[in-house]
All heavy atoms as atom14 arrays in JSON, in Angstrom:
{
  "sequence": "SHMTIGDFRNWLLSDKASSDMLNQIRAGVTPEMAAAVSKIMRNQDL",
  "atom14_mask": [
    [1, 1, 1, 1, 1, 1, 0, 0, 0, 0, 0, 0, 0, 0],
    [1, 1, 1, 1, 1, 1, 1, 1, 1, 1, 0, 0, 0, 0],
    [1, 1, 1, 1, 1, 1, 1, 1, 0, 0, 0, 0, 0, 0],
    [1, 1, 1, 1, 1, 1, 1, 0, 0, 0, 0, 0, 0, 0],
    [1, 1, 1, 1, 1, 1, 1, 1, 0, 0, 0, 0, 0, 0],
    [1, 1, 1, 1, 0, 0, 0, 0, 0, 0, 0, 0, 0, 0],
    [1, 1, 1, 1, 1, 1, 1, 1, 0, 0, 0, 0, 0, 0],
    [1, 1, 1, 1, 1, 1, 1, 1, 1, 1, 1, 0, 0, 0],
    [1, 1, 1, 1, 1, 1, 1, 1, 1, 1, 1, 0, 0, 0],
    [1, 1, 1, 1, 1, 1, 1, 1, 0, 0, 0, 0, 0, 0],
    [1, 1, 1, 1, 1, 1, 1, 1, 1, 1, 1, 1, 1, 1],
    [1, 1, 1, 1, 1, 1, 1, 1, 0, 0, 0, 0, 0, 0],
    [1, 1, 1, 1, 1, 1, 1, 1, 0, 0, 0, 0, 0, 0],
    [1, 1, 1, 1, 1, 1, 0, 0, 0, 0, 0, 0, 0, 0],
    [1, 1, 1, 1, 1, 1, 1, 1, 0, 0, 0, 0, 0, 0],
    [1, 1, 1, 1, 1, 1, 1, 1, 1, 0, 0, 0, 0, 0],
    [1, 1, 1, 1, 1, 0, 0, 0, 0, 0, 0, 0, 0, 0],
    [1, 1, 1, 1, 1, 1, 0, 0, 0, 0, 0, 0, 0, 0],
    [1, 1, 1, 1, 1, 1, 0, 0, 0, 0, 0, 0, 0, 0],
    [1, 1, 1, 1, 1, 1, 1, 1, 0, 0, 0, 0, 0, 0],
    [1, 1, 1, 1, 1, 1, 1, 1, 0, 0, 0, 0, 0, 0],
    [1, 1, 1, 1, 1, 1, 1, 1, 0, 0, 0, 0, 0, 0],
    [1, 1, 1, 1, 1, 1, 1, 1, 0, 0, 0, 0, 0, 0],
    [1, 1, 1, 1, 1, 1, 1, 1, 1, 0, 0, 0, 0, 0],
    [1, 1, 1, 1, 1, 1, 1, 1, 0, 0, 0, 0, 0, 0],
    [1, 1, 1, 1, 1, 1, 1, 1, 1, 1, 1, 0, 0, 0],
    [1, 1, 1, 1, 1, 0, 0, 0, 0, 0, 0, 0, 0, 0],
    [1, 1, 1, 1, 0, 0, 0, 0, 0, 0, 0, 0, 0, 0],
    [1, 1, 1, 1, 1, 1, 1, 0, 0, 0, 0, 0, 0, 0],
    [1, 1, 1, 1, 1, 1, 1, 0, 0, 0, 0, 0, 0, 0],
    [1, 1, 1, 1, 1, 1, 1, 0, 0, 0, 0, 0, 0, 0],
    [1, 1, 1, 1, 1, 1, 1, 1, 1, 0, 0, 0, 0, 0],
    [1, 1, 1, 1, 1, 1, 1, 1, 0, 0, 0, 0, 0, 0],
    [1, 1, 1, 1, 1, 0, 0, 0, 0, 0, 0, 0, 0, 0],
    [1, 1, 1, 1, 1, 0, 0, 0, 0, 0, 0, 0, 0, 0],
    [1, 1, 1, 1, 1, 0, 0, 0, 0, 0, 0, 0, 0, 0],
    [1, 1, 1, 1, 1, 1, 1, 0, 0, 0, 0, 0, 0, 0],
    [1, 1, 1, 1, 1, 1, 0, 0, 0, 0, 0, 0, 0, 0],
    [1, 1, 1, 1, 1, 1, 1, 1, 1, 0, 0, 0, 0, 0],
    [1, 1, 1, 1, 1, 1, 1, 1, 0, 0, 0, 0, 0, 0],
    [1, 1, 1, 1, 1, 1, 1, 1, 0, 0, 0, 0, 0, 0],
    [1, 1, 1, 1, 1, 1, 1, 1, 1, 1, 1, 0, 0, 0],
    [1, 1, 1, 1, 1, 1, 1, 1, 0, 0, 0, 0, 0, 0],
    [1, 1, 1, 1, 1, 1, 1, 1, 1, 0, 0, 0, 0, 0],
    [1, 1, 1, 1, 1, 1, 1, 1, 0, 0, 0, 0, 0, 0],
    [1, 1, 1, 1, 1, 1, 1, 1, 0, 0, 0, 0, 0, 0]
  ],
  "atom14_positions": [
    [[65.03, 120.7, 44.05], [66.36, 120.23, 44.24], [66.48, 119.25, 45.45], [67.56, 118.47, 45.51], [67.27, 121.46, 44.52], [66.82, 122.17, 45.62], [0.0, 0.0, 0.0], [0.0, 0.0, 0.0], [0.0, 0.0, 0.0], [0.0, 0.0, 0.0], [0.0, 0.0, 0.0], [0.0, 0.0, 0.0], [0.0, 0.0, 0.0], [0.0, 0.0, 0.0]],
    [[65.54, 119.24, 46.36], [65.64, 118.41, 47.51], [65.01, 117.09, 47.3], [65.04, 116.18, 48.2], [64.8, 119.04, 48.72], [63.41, 119.28, 48.41], [62.93, 120.24, 47.49], [62.34, 118.6, 48.88], [61.54, 120.18, 47.44], [61.25, 119.21, 48.26], [0.0, 0.0, 0.0], [0.0, 0.0, 0.0], [0.0, 0.0, 0.0], [0.0, 0.0, 0.0]],
    [[64.48, 116.82, 46.13], [63.78, 115.62, 45.88], [64.61, 114.41, 45.42], [65.58, 114.61, 44.77], [62.57, 115.86, 44.82], [61.62, 116.89, 45.24], [60.3, 117.05, 43.89], [59.37, 118.4, 44.57], [0.0, 0.0, 0.0], [0.0, 0.0, 0.0], [0.0, 0.0, 0.0], [0.0, 0.0, 0.0], [0.0, 0.0, 0.0], [0.0, 0.0, 0.0]],
    [[64.05, 113.32, 45.62], [64.55, 112.05, 44.97], [63.73, 111.81, 43.72], [62.73, 112.57, 43.46], [64.42, 110.81, 45.89], [62.96, 110.6, 46.13], [65.08, 110.98, 47.33], [0.0, 0.0, 0.0], [0.0, 0.0, 0.0], [0.0, 0.0, 0.0], [0.0, 0.0, 0.0], [0.0, 0.0, 0.0], [0.0, 0.0, 0.0], [0.0, 0.0, 0.0]],
    [[64.12, 110.79, 42.99], [63.39, 110.49, 41.77], [61.92, 110.09, 42.1], [60.99, 110.43, 41.41], [64.08, 109.36, 41.05], [65.38, 109.84, 40.34], [63.23, 108.75, 39.86], [65.24, 110.84, 39.33], [0.0, 0.0, 0.0], [0.0, 0.0, 0.0], [0.0, 0.0, 0.0], [0.0, 0.0, 0.0], [0.0, 0.0, 0.0], [0.0, 0.0, 0.0]],
    [[61.81, 109.31, 43.25], [60.49, 108.9, 43.61], [59.67, 110.15, 44.1], [58.43, 110.26, 43.81], [0.0, 0.0, 0.0], [0.0, 0.0, 0.0], [0.0, 0.0, 0.0], [0.0, 0.0, 0.0], [0.0, 0.0, 0.0], [0.0, 0.0, 0.0], [0.0, 0.0, 0.0], [0.0, 0.0, 0.0], [0.0, 0.0, 0.0], [0.0, 0.0, 0.0]],
    [[60.3, 111.11, 44.84], [59.58, 112.3, 45.2], [59.18, 113.08, 44.03], [58.07, 113.63, 43.95], [60.45, 113.14, 46.08], [60.85, 112.59, 47.36], [60.04, 111.74, 47.9], [61.95, 112.87, 47.87], [0.0, 0.0, 0.0], [0.0, 0.0, 0.0], [0.0, 0.0, 0.0], [0.0, 0.0, 0.0], [0.0, 0.0, 0.0], [0.0, 0.0, 0.0]],
    [[60.01, 113.17, 42.99], [59.8, 113.9, 41.76], [58.54, 113.33, 41.04], [57.67, 114.09, 40.58], [61.0, 113.94, 40.94], [60.92, 114.8, 39.72], [60.33, 115.99, 39.75], [61.55, 114.42, 38.48], [60.3, 116.88, 38.71], [61.55, 115.27, 37.4], [60.91, 116.48, 37.51], [0.0, 0.0, 0.0], [0.0, 0.0, 0.0], [0.0, 0.0, 0.0]],
    [[58.5, 112.04, 40.97], [57.34, 111.32, 40.36], [56.02, 111.83, 41.1], [55.08, 112.19, 40.46], [57.44, 109.84, 40.33], [56.14, 109.08, 40.0], [56.19, 107.61, 40.27], [54.96, 107.04, 40.01], [53.87, 106.83, 40.88], [54.03, 107.43, 42.04], [52.82, 106.3, 40.59], [0.0, 0.0, 0.0], [0.0, 0.0, 0.0], [0.0, 0.0, 0.0]],
    [[56.01, 111.62, 42.42], [54.81, 111.9, 43.16], [54.48, 113.47, 42.95], [53.3, 113.89, 42.85], [54.99, 111.69, 44.58], [55.25, 110.21, 44.91], [54.76, 109.37, 44.03], [55.92, 109.83, 46.05], [0.0, 0.0, 0.0], [0.0, 0.0, 0.0], [0.0, 0.0, 0.0], [0.0, 0.0, 0.0], [0.0, 0.0, 0.0], [0.0, 0.0, 0.0]],
    [[55.43, 114.3, 42.95], [55.23, 115.76, 42.72], [54.64, 116.06, 41.38], [53.68, 116.8, 41.21], [56.49, 116.56, 42.98], [56.4, 118.04, 42.84], [55.93, 118.79, 43.77], [56.66, 118.79, 41.61], [55.98, 120.16, 43.28], [56.41, 120.18, 41.89], [57.05, 118.49, 40.45], [56.55, 121.2, 41.04], [57.23, 119.52, 39.49], [57.01, 120.87, 39.75]],
    [[55.13, 115.4, 40.32], [54.66, 115.61, 38.95], [53.21, 115.18, 38.79], [52.42, 115.74, 38.05], [55.57, 114.72, 37.96], [56.97, 115.27, 37.7], [57.64, 114.23, 36.92], [56.89, 116.58, 36.93], [0.0, 0.0, 0.0], [0.0, 0.0, 0.0], [0.0, 0.0, 0.0], [0.0, 0.0, 0.0], [0.0, 0.0, 0.0], [0.0, 0.0, 0.0]],
    [[52.74, 114.11, 39.61], [51.38, 113.7, 39.52], [50.5, 114.5, 40.48], [49.27, 114.37, 40.3], [51.38, 112.2, 39.99], [52.09, 111.25, 39.04], [52.17, 109.88, 39.7], [51.42, 111.24, 37.67], [0.0, 0.0, 0.0], [0.0, 0.0, 0.0], [0.0, 0.0, 0.0], [0.0, 0.0, 0.0], [0.0, 0.0, 0.0], [0.0, 0.0, 0.0]],
    [[51.05, 115.36, 41.23], [50.22, 116.18, 42.14], [49.69, 117.4, 41.5], [50.13, 117.88, 40.4], [51.06, 116.54, 43.4], [51.99, 117.57, 43.08], [0.0, 0.0, 0.0], [0.0, 0.0, 0.0], [0.0, 0.0, 0.0], [0.0, 0.0, 0.0], [0.0, 0.0, 0.0], [0.0, 0.0, 0.0], [0.0, 0.0, 0.0], [0.0, 0.0, 0.0]],
    [[48.68, 118.07, 42.24], [48.17, 119.3, 41.64], [49.15, 120.44, 41.7], [49.03, 121.51, 41.0], [46.95, 119.67, 42.41], [45.82, 118.8, 42.18], [45.77, 118.19, 41.14], [44.85, 118.67, 42.99], [0.0, 0.0, 0.0], [0.0, 0.0, 0.0], [0.0, 0.0, 0.0], [0.0, 0.0, 0.0], [0.0, 0.0, 0.0], [0.0, 0.0, 0.0]],
    [[50.22, 120.26, 42.55], [51.21, 121.35, 42.66], [51.94, 121.51, 41.31], [52.46, 122.55, 41.01], [52.27, 121.05, 43.74], [51.69, 121.06, 45.12], [52.64, 120.65, 46.15], [52.15, 120.6, 47.63], [53.2, 120.22, 48.65], [0.0, 0.0, 0.0], [0.0, 0.0, 0.0], [0.0, 0.0, 0.0], [0.0, 0.0, 0.0], [0.0, 0.0, 0.0]],
    [[52.1, 120.45, 40.6], [52.82, 120.43, 39.32], [51.92, 120.95, 38.14], [51.45, 120.07, 37.32], [53.43, 119.14, 38.95], [0.0, 0.0, 0.0], [0.0, 0.0, 0.0], [0.0, 0.0, 0.0], [0.0, 0.0, 0.0], [0.0, 0.0, 0.0], [0.0, 0.0, 0.0], [0.0, 0.0, 0.0], [0.0, 0.0, 0.0], [0.0, 0.0, 0.0]],
    [[51.51, 122.17, 38.23], [50.62, 122.71, 37.22], [51.38, 122.98, 35.96], [52.66, 122.89, 35.88], [49.99, 124.03, 37.7], [51.05, 124.99, 37.91], [0.0, 0.0, 0.0], [0.0, 0.0, 0.0], [0.0, 0.0, 0.0], [0.0, 0.0, 0.0], [0.0, 0.0, 0.0], [0.0, 0.0, 0.0], [0.0, 0.0, 0.0], [0.0, 0.0, 0.0]],
    [[50.76, 123.34, 34.82], [51.36, 123.71, 33.6], [52.28, 124.87, 33.71], [53.49, 124.89, 33.37], [50.37, 124.05, 32.53], [49.6, 122.88, 32.22], [0.0, 0.0, 0.0], [0.0, 0.0, 0.0], [0.0, 0.0, 0.0], [0.0, 0.0, 0.0], [0.0, 0.0, 0.0], [0.0, 0.0, 0.0], [0.0, 0.0, 0.0], [0.0, 0.0, 0.0]],
    [[51.88, 125.79, 34.52], [52.85, 127.03, 34.83], [53.97, 126.62, 35.57], [55.13, 127.1, 35.36], [52.04, 128.07, 35.59], [50.96, 128.76, 34.56], [51.08, 128.65, 33.43], [50.11, 129.4, 35.14], [0.0, 0.0, 0.0], [0.0, 0.0, 0.0], [0.0, 0.0, 0.0], [0.0, 0.0, 0.0], [0.0, 0.0, 0.0], [0.0, 0.0, 0.0]],
    [[53.84, 125.71, 36.57], [54.91, 125.31, 37.42], [55.93, 124.5, 36.57], [57.15, 124.66, 36.73], [54.45, 124.47, 38.59], [55.5, 124.23, 39.6], [56.12, 125.82, 40.41], [57.55, 125.21, 41.26], [0.0, 0.0, 0.0], [0.0, 0.0, 0.0], [0.0, 0.0, 0.0], [0.0, 0.0, 0.0], [0.0, 0.0, 0.0], [0.0, 0.0, 0.0]],
    [[55.43, 123.61, 35.71], [56.25, 122.81, 34.89], [57.13, 123.67, 33.97], [58.35, 123.42, 33.68], [55.47, 121.86, 34.09], [54.82, 120.65, 34.83], [54.03, 119.69, 34.02], [55.93, 119.89, 35.65], [0.0, 0.0, 0.0], [0.0, 0.0, 0.0], [0.0, 0.0, 0.0], [0.0, 0.0, 0.0], [0.0, 0.0, 0.0], [0.0, 0.0, 0.0]],
    [[56.56, 124.7, 33.5], [57.25, 125.65, 32.74], [58.38, 126.34, 33.42], [59.4, 126.62, 32.89], [56.28, 126.66, 31.98], [56.89, 127.57, 30.9], [57.57, 127.07, 29.99], [56.87, 128.87, 31.03], [0.0, 0.0, 0.0], [0.0, 0.0, 0.0], [0.0, 0.0, 0.0], [0.0, 0.0, 0.0], [0.0, 0.0, 0.0], [0.0, 0.0, 0.0]],
    [[58.09, 126.68, 34.7], [59.13, 127.37, 35.49], [60.27, 126.41, 35.83], [61.42, 127.03, 35.85], [58.48, 127.7, 36.8], [57.43, 128.86, 36.74], [56.88, 129.21, 38.05], [57.47, 129.12, 39.06], [55.55, 129.55, 38.15], [0.0, 0.0, 0.0], [0.0, 0.0, 0.0], [0.0, 0.0, 0.0], [0.0, 0.0, 0.0], [0.0, 0.0, 0.0]],
    [[60.14, 125.1, 35.92], [61.23, 124.29, 36.36], [61.92, 123.58, 35.12], [62.87, 122.95, 35.31], [60.76, 123.22, 37.28], [59.88, 122.21, 36.61], [60.07, 123.78, 38.56], [59.68, 120.84, 37.35], [0.0, 0.0, 0.0], [0.0, 0.0, 0.0], [0.0, 0.0, 0.0], [0.0, 0.0, 0.0], [0.0, 0.0, 0.0], [0.0, 0.0, 0.0]],
    [[61.37, 123.67, 33.95], [61.8, 122.95, 32.81], [63.28, 123.04, 32.57], [64.02, 122.04, 32.2], [61.05, 123.21, 31.57], [61.12, 124.66, 31.1], [60.06, 124.95, 29.9], [60.32, 124.15, 28.77], [60.97, 124.51, 27.67], [61.55, 125.75, 27.68], [61.05, 123.71, 26.67], [0.0, 0.0, 0.0], [0.0, 0.0, 0.0], [0.0, 0.0, 0.0]],
    [[63.83, 124.29, 32.65], [65.26, 124.59, 32.45], [66.12, 123.99, 33.57], [67.35, 123.87, 33.43], [65.57, 126.0, 32.31], [0.0, 0.0, 0.0], [0.0, 0.0, 0.0], [0.0, 0.0, 0.0], [0.0, 0.0, 0.0], [0.0, 0.0, 0.0], [0.0, 0.0, 0.0], [0.0, 0.0, 0.0], [0.0, 0.0, 0.0], [0.0, 0.0, 0.0]],
    [[65.53, 123.5, 34.57], [66.24, 122.92, 35.79], [66.31, 121.39, 35.74], [66.96, 120.71, 36.51], [0.0, 0.0, 0.0], [0.0, 0.0, 0.0], [0.0, 0.0, 0.0], [0.0, 0.0, 0.0], [0.0, 0.0, 0.0], [0.0, 0.0, 0.0], [0.0, 0.0, 0.0], [0.0, 0.0, 0.0], [0.0, 0.0, 0.0], [0.0, 0.0, 0.0]],
    [[65.48, 120.82, 34.86], [65.36, 119.34, 34.68], [66.33, 118.83, 33.57], [66.2, 119.2, 32.48], [63.93, 118.92, 34.4], [63.86, 117.36, 34.21], [63.0, 119.39, 35.49], [0.0, 0.0, 0.0], [0.0, 0.0, 0.0], [0.0, 0.0, 0.0], [0.0, 0.0, 0.0], [0.0, 0.0, 0.0], [0.0, 0.0, 0.0], [0.0, 0.0, 0.0]],
    [[67.24, 118.04, 33.95], [68.22, 117.43, 32.95], [67.54, 116.23, 32.27], [66.61, 115.64, 32.8], [69.53, 116.95, 33.53], [69.25, 115.91, 34.42], [70.09, 118.18, 34.38], [0.0, 0.0, 0.0], [0.0, 0.0, 0.0], [0.0, 0.0, 0.0], [0.0, 0.0, 0.0], [0.0, 0.0, 0.0], [0.0, 0.0, 0.0], [0.0, 0.0, 0.0]],
    [[68.0, 115.9, 31.04], [67.48, 114.72, 30.38], [67.63, 113.44, 31.18], [66.7, 112.53, 31.27], [68.33, 114.61, 29.19], [68.91, 115.94, 28.92], [69.1, 116.58, 30.33], [0.0, 0.0, 0.0], [0.0, 0.0, 0.0], [0.0, 0.0, 0.0], [0.0, 0.0, 0.0], [0.0, 0.0, 0.0], [0.0, 0.0, 0.0], [0.0, 0.0, 0.0]],
    [[68.71, 113.34, 31.96], [68.88, 112.13, 32.76], [67.8, 112.07, 33.91], [67.33, 110.98, 34.19], [70.29, 112.1, 33.38], [71.38, 111.89, 32.41], [71.86, 113.16, 31.64], [71.19, 114.25, 31.86], [72.76, 113.03, 30.79], [0.0, 0.0, 0.0], [0.0, 0.0, 0.0], [0.0, 0.0, 0.0], [0.0, 0.0, 0.0], [0.0, 0.0, 0.0]],
    [[67.46, 113.24, 34.54], [66.34, 113.26, 35.46], [65.0, 112.78, 34.81], [64.32, 111.93, 35.49], [66.21, 114.66, 36.1], [67.29, 115.15, 36.83], [67.08, 116.85, 37.35], [68.78, 117.34, 37.93], [0.0, 0.0, 0.0], [0.0, 0.0, 0.0], [0.0, 0.0, 0.0], [0.0, 0.0, 0.0], [0.0, 0.0, 0.0], [0.0, 0.0, 0.0]],
    [[64.8, 113.37, 33.66], [63.5, 112.99, 33.03], [63.44, 111.58, 32.67], [62.4, 110.91, 32.83], [63.36, 113.94, 31.83], [0.0, 0.0, 0.0], [0.0, 0.0, 0.0], [0.0, 0.0, 0.0], [0.0, 0.0, 0.0], [0.0, 0.0, 0.0], [0.0, 0.0, 0.0], [0.0, 0.0, 0.0], [0.0, 0.0, 0.0], [0.0, 0.0, 0.0]],
    [[64.51, 110.99, 32.13], [64.54, 109.66, 31.77], [64.38, 108.72, 33.01], [63.65, 107.79, 32.92], [65.81, 109.27, 31.01], [0.0, 0.0, 0.0], [0.0, 0.0, 0.0], [0.0, 0.0, 0.0], [0.0, 0.0, 0.0], [0.0, 0.0, 0.0], [0.0, 0.0, 0.0], [0.0, 0.0, 0.0], [0.0, 0.0, 0.0], [0.0, 0.0, 0.0]],
    [[65.09, 109.1, 34.11], [64.95, 108.31, 35.3], [63.55, 108.31, 35.84], [63.03, 107.21, 36.18], [65.97, 108.86, 36.26], [0.0, 0.0, 0.0], [0.0, 0.0, 0.0], [0.0, 0.0, 0.0], [0.0, 0.0, 0.0], [0.0, 0.0, 0.0], [0.0, 0.0, 0.0], [0.0, 0.0, 0.0], [0.0, 0.0, 0.0], [0.0, 0.0, 0.0]],
    [[62.9, 109.42, 35.92], [61.58, 109.49, 36.56], [60.59, 108.68, 35.61], [59.6, 108.03, 36.09], [61.11, 110.93, 36.83], [60.65, 111.67, 35.55], [59.95, 110.89, 37.84], [0.0, 0.0, 0.0], [0.0, 0.0, 0.0], [0.0, 0.0, 0.0], [0.0, 0.0, 0.0], [0.0, 0.0, 0.0], [0.0, 0.0, 0.0], [0.0, 0.0, 0.0]],
    [[60.75, 108.71, 34.37], [59.85, 108.05, 33.44], [60.0, 106.6, 33.63], [58.95, 105.78, 33.36], [60.18, 108.36, 31.93], [61.37, 107.77, 31.56], [0.0, 0.0, 0.0], [0.0, 0.0, 0.0], [0.0, 0.0, 0.0], [0.0, 0.0, 0.0], [0.0, 0.0, 0.0], [0.0, 0.0, 0.0], [0.0, 0.0, 0.0], [0.0, 0.0, 0.0]],
    [[61.14, 106.05, 34.07], [61.3, 104.63, 34.24], [60.5, 103.93, 35.47], [60.27, 102.79, 35.58], [62.75, 104.3, 34.4], [63.54, 104.51, 33.03], [65.03, 104.33, 33.34], [65.8, 104.72, 32.09], [67.23, 104.71, 32.3], [0.0, 0.0, 0.0], [0.0, 0.0, 0.0], [0.0, 0.0, 0.0], [0.0, 0.0, 0.0], [0.0, 0.0, 0.0]],
    [[60.03, 104.94, 36.38], [59.24, 104.49, 37.5], [57.77, 104.87, 37.41], [57.06, 104.8, 38.34], [59.89, 104.88, 38.87], [59.75, 106.38, 39.04], [61.29, 104.45, 39.02], [60.14, 106.91, 40.4], [0.0, 0.0, 0.0], [0.0, 0.0, 0.0], [0.0, 0.0, 0.0], [0.0, 0.0, 0.0], [0.0, 0.0, 0.0], [0.0, 0.0, 0.0]],
    [[57.43, 105.3, 36.25], [56.03, 105.73, 36.01], [55.23, 104.77, 35.12], [55.92, 104.11, 34.22], [55.89, 107.15, 35.34], [56.6, 108.16, 36.31], [56.8, 109.87, 35.43], [55.12, 110.51, 35.7], [0.0, 0.0, 0.0], [0.0, 0.0, 0.0], [0.0, 0.0, 0.0], [0.0, 0.0, 0.0], [0.0, 0.0, 0.0], [0.0, 0.0, 0.0]],
    [[54.03, 104.63, 35.36], [53.07, 103.76, 34.58], [52.73, 104.64, 33.27], [52.95, 105.83, 33.28], [51.87, 103.37, 35.32], [52.11, 102.6, 36.62], [50.79, 102.46, 37.28], [50.14, 103.76, 37.59], [48.97, 104.01, 38.0], [48.1, 102.98, 38.13], [48.48, 105.23, 38.31], [0.0, 0.0, 0.0], [0.0, 0.0, 0.0], [0.0, 0.0, 0.0]],
    [[52.2, 103.94, 32.28], [51.82, 104.65, 31.14], [50.74, 105.7, 31.5], [50.76, 106.82, 30.91], [51.06, 103.69, 30.15], [52.15, 102.83, 29.38], [53.36, 103.23, 29.4], [51.73, 101.79, 28.83], [0.0, 0.0, 0.0], [0.0, 0.0, 0.0], [0.0, 0.0, 0.0], [0.0, 0.0, 0.0], [0.0, 0.0, 0.0], [0.0, 0.0, 0.0]],
    [[49.81, 105.4, 32.42], [48.8, 106.37, 32.84], [49.46, 107.59, 33.44], [48.99, 108.71, 33.36], [47.85, 105.69, 33.82], [47.02, 104.62, 33.24], [47.65, 103.26, 33.5], [48.89, 103.15, 33.42], [46.84, 102.18, 33.8], [0.0, 0.0, 0.0], [0.0, 0.0, 0.0], [0.0, 0.0, 0.0], [0.0, 0.0, 0.0], [0.0, 0.0, 0.0]],
    [[50.54, 107.42, 34.27], [51.25, 108.46, 34.91], [51.87, 109.4, 33.8], [51.77, 110.62, 33.93], [52.39, 108.0, 35.74], [51.85, 107.09, 36.88], [50.74, 107.21, 37.34], [52.81, 106.35, 37.46], [0.0, 0.0, 0.0], [0.0, 0.0, 0.0], [0.0, 0.0, 0.0], [0.0, 0.0, 0.0], [0.0, 0.0, 0.0], [0.0, 0.0, 0.0]],
    [[52.48, 108.7, 32.73], [53.05, 109.56, 31.78], [52.06, 110.33, 30.9], [52.37, 111.53, 30.61], [53.85, 108.6, 30.78], [55.06, 107.85, 31.4], [55.51, 106.76, 30.43], [56.26, 108.87, 31.74], [0.0, 0.0, 0.0], [0.0, 0.0, 0.0], [0.0, 0.0, 0.0], [0.0, 0.0, 0.0], [0.0, 0.0, 0.0], [0.0, 0.0, 0.0]]
  ]
}
């Protein structure tokens, strides 16, 4: 909740964002957040 879109991208690419952790936060991520972060990611990031 404290993150910016840029912070969220970096967090998603970090080891902290494990499969279990992504499952825990999925209900808190809106489509608009997901779409926004995807727009600042490279194909390799995605």
